[in-house]
Amino acid sequence: MQAEDSGKPLEVPVGQEIMSRMFDVFGSVIDRKPPPQNVQWRTIHRKPPPLSERSTKSEIFETGIKAIDVLVPLERGGKAGLFGGAVWARRCF
């Protein structure tokens, strides 16, 4: 495919409207629902919040996906990557 320069950095939608929604890497909806309206678009290259604004307690981040929440609970603020699909499962098992 031919690459197209948008002239700006990669951005993602942020806000309450994106909760329980699915997006591709460019922030486009992929869950067959209309795009969210009241969202901010932020670059993925933002500076982290200052230490004074970060939580110091350990919290579990609930994804709503039972297999993940039970088998591999995620910590809020941590980093995680999820990959899936029939091809991946076939190769792993």
C-alpha atoms as a PDB file:
ATOM      1  CA  MET A   1       0.000   0.000   0.000  1.00  0.00           C
ATOM      2  CA  GLN A   2       1.084   3.540  -0.591  1.00  0.00           C
ATOM      3  CA  ALA A   3       1.847   5.547   2.559  1.00  0.00           C
ATOM      4  CA  GLU A   4       0.178   8.919   3.039  1.00  0.00           C
ATOM      5  CA  ASP A   5       1.657  11.669   5.219  1.00  0.00           C
ATOM      6  CA  SER A   6      -1.092  13.259   7.335  1.00  0.00           C
ATOM      7  CA  GLY A   7       1.254  15.999   8.507  1.00  0.00           C
ATOM      8  CA  LYS A   8       0.574  15.260  12.174  1.00  0.00           C
ATOM      9  CA  PRO A   9       1.588  12.607  14.729  1.00  0.00           C
ATOM     10  CA  LEU A  10      -0.479   9.484  15.399  1.00  0.00           C
ATOM     11  CA  GLU A  11      -3.459  10.427  17.597  1.00  0.00           C
ATOM     12  CA  VAL A  12      -6.027   8.423  19.569  1.00  0.00           C
ATOM     13  CA  PRO A  13      -9.465   9.359  20.952  1.00  0.00           C
ATOM     14  CA  VAL A  14      -9.680   9.989  24.706  1.00  0.00           C
ATOM     15  CA  GLY A  15     -12.753  10.413  26.918  1.00  0.00           C
ATOM     16  CA  GLN A  16     -15.716   8.671  28.558  1.00  0.00           C
ATOM     17  CA  GLU A  17     -17.333   8.043  25.154  1.00  0.00           C
ATOM     18  CA  ILE A  18     -14.637   5.515  24.185  1.00  0.00           C
ATOM     19  CA  MET A  19     -15.237   3.229  27.163  1.00  0.00           C
ATOM     20  CA  SER A  20     -16.244  -0.310  26.034  1.00  0.00           C
ATOM     21  CA  ARG A  21     -15.549   0.559  22.389  1.00  0.00           C
ATOM     22  CA  MET A  22     -13.109  -0.974  19.900  1.00  0.00           C
ATOM     23  CA  PHE A  23     -10.726   1.060  17.719  1.00  0.00           C
ATOM     24  CA  ASP A  24      -7.966   0.326  15.232  1.00  0.00           C
ATOM     25  CA  VAL A  25      -4.475   1.806  15.552  1.00  0.00           C
ATOM     26  CA  PHE A  26      -5.610   5.028  13.841  1.00  0.00           C
ATOM     27  CA  GLY A  27      -8.537   5.614  16.233  1.00  0.00           C
ATOM     28  CA  SER A  28     -11.250   4.558  13.768  1.00  0.00           C
ATOM     29  CA  VAL A  29     -14.151   2.583  15.248  1.00  0.00           C
ATOM     30  CA  ILE A  30     -14.250  -1.117  14.385  1.00  0.00           C
ATOM     31  CA  ASP A  31     -17.213  -2.223  16.510  1.00  0.00           C
ATOM     32  CA  ARG A  32     -19.922  -1.317  13.945  1.00  0.00           C
ATOM     33  CA  LYS A  33     -21.258   1.496  16.140  1.00  0.00           C
ATOM     34  CA  PRO A  34     -21.271   5.198  15.182  1.00  0.00           C
ATOM     35  CA  PRO A  35     -18.076   7.142  15.958  1.00  0.00           C
ATOM     36  CA  PRO A  36     -18.030   8.805  19.411  1.00  0.00           C
ATOM     37  CA  GLN A  37     -18.838  12.525  19.357  1.00  0.00           C
ATOM     38  CA  ASN A  38     -17.477  14.105  22.550  1.00  0.00           C
ATOM     39  CA  VAL A  39     -13.837  12.962  22.528  1.00  0.00           C
ATOM     40  CA  GLN A  40     -10.466  14.656  22.577  1.00  0.00           C
ATOM     41  CA  TRP A  41      -7.769  13.516  20.177  1.00  0.00           C
ATOM     42  CA  ARG A  42      -4.348  13.228  21.815  1.00  0.00           C
ATOM     43  CA  THR A  43      -1.016  12.255  20.343  1.00  0.00           C
ATOM     44  CA  ILE A  44       0.544   8.988  21.466  1.00  0.00           C
ATOM     45  CA  HIS A  45       3.815  10.863  22.083  1.00  0.00           C
ATOM     46  CA  ARG A  46       2.586  12.927  25.055  1.00  0.00           C
ATOM     47  CA  LYS A  47       4.760  13.491  28.081  1.00  0.00           C
ATOM     48  CA  PRO A  48       3.710  11.413  31.111  1.00  0.00           C
ATOM     49  CA  PRO A  49       1.811  13.160  33.924  1.00  0.00           C
ATOM     50  CA  PRO A  50       3.957  14.496  36.768  1.00  0.00           C
ATOM     51  CA  LEU A  51       4.561  12.189  39.722  1.00  0.00           C
ATOM     52  CA  SER A  52       2.356  14.366  41.941  1.00  0.00           C
ATOM     53  CA  GLU A  53      -0.671  13.483  39.751  1.00  0.00           C
ATOM     54  CA  ARG A  54      -0.044   9.717  39.614  1.00  0.00           C
ATOM     55  CA  SER A  55      -1.718   7.201  41.896  1.00  0.00           C
ATOM     56  CA  THR A  56       0.555   5.312  44.277  1.00  0.00           C
ATOM     57  CA  LYS A  57      -1.875   2.502  45.069  1.00  0.00           C
ATOM     58  CA  SER A  58      -2.076  -0.706  43.083  1.00  0.00           C
ATOM     59  CA  GLU A  59      -5.423  -1.169  41.321  1.00  0.00           C
ATOM     60  CA  ILE A  60      -6.703  -3.892  39.006  1.00  0.00           C
ATOM     61  CA  PHE A  61      -7.853  -2.638  35.599  1.00  0.00           C
ATOM     62  CA  GLU A  62     -11.066  -4.449  34.653  1.00  0.00           C
ATOM     63  CA  THR A  63     -11.337  -4.948  30.899  1.00  0.00           C
ATOM     64  CA  GLY A  64     -14.773  -6.559  30.920  1.00  0.00           C
ATOM     65  CA  ILE A  65     -13.302  -9.549  29.067  1.00  0.00           C
ATOM     66  CA  LYS A  66     -13.767 -12.470  31.444  1.00  0.00           C
ATOM     67  CA  ALA A  67     -10.817 -14.517  30.149  1.00  0.00           C
ATOM     68  CA  ILE A  68      -8.412 -11.620  30.702  1.00  0.00           C
ATOM     69  CA  ASP A  69      -9.831 -10.392  34.015  1.00  0.00           C
ATOM     70  CA  VAL A  70      -9.693 -13.895  35.540  1.00  0.00           C
ATOM     71  CA  LEU A  71      -6.597 -15.429  33.964  1.00  0.00           C
ATOM     72  CA  VAL A  72      -4.330 -12.416  33.402  1.00  0.00           C
ATOM     73  CA  PRO A  73      -5.487  -9.459  35.530  1.00  0.00           C
ATOM     74  CA  LEU A  74      -3.927  -6.176  34.443  1.00  0.00           C
ATOM     75  CA  GLU A  75      -2.681  -3.447  36.763  1.00  0.00           C
ATOM     76  CA  ARG A  76      -4.059   0.044  36.144  1.00  0.00           C
ATOM     77  CA  GLY A  77      -1.369   2.190  34.591  1.00  0.00           C
ATOM     78  CA  GLY A  78       0.669  -0.780  33.430  1.00  0.00           C
ATOM     79  CA  LYS A  79       1.397  -1.709  29.847  1.00  0.00           C
ATOM     80  CA  ALA A  80      -0.100  -4.695  28.061  1.00  0.00           C
ATOM     81  CA  GLY A  81      -0.467  -5.921  24.511  1.00  0.00           C
ATOM     82  CA  LEU A  82      -3.183  -8.252  23.291  1.00  0.00           C
ATOM     83  CA  PHE A  83      -3.056 -10.302  20.117  1.00  0.00           C
ATOM     84  CA  GLY A  84      -5.740 -12.640  18.935  1.00  0.00           C
ATOM     85  CA  GLY A  85      -7.265 -14.468  16.059  1.00  0.00           C
ATOM     86  CA  ALA A  86      -7.580 -17.987  14.724  1.00  0.00           C
ATOM     87  CA  VAL A  87      -4.136 -17.989  13.107  1.00  0.00           C
ATOM     88  CA  TRP A  88      -2.423 -17.011  16.362  1.00  0.00           C
ATOM     89  CA  ALA A  89      -4.352 -19.606  18.372  1.00  0.00           C
ATOM     90  CA  ARG A  90      -3.584 -22.335  15.876  1.00  0.00           C
ATOM     91  CA  ARG A  91       0.136 -21.645  16.067  1.00  0.00           C
ATOM     92  CA  CYS A  92       0.236 -21.510  19.868  1.00  0.00           C
ATOM     93  CA  PHE A  93      -1.720 -24.668  20.619  1.00  0.00           C
END
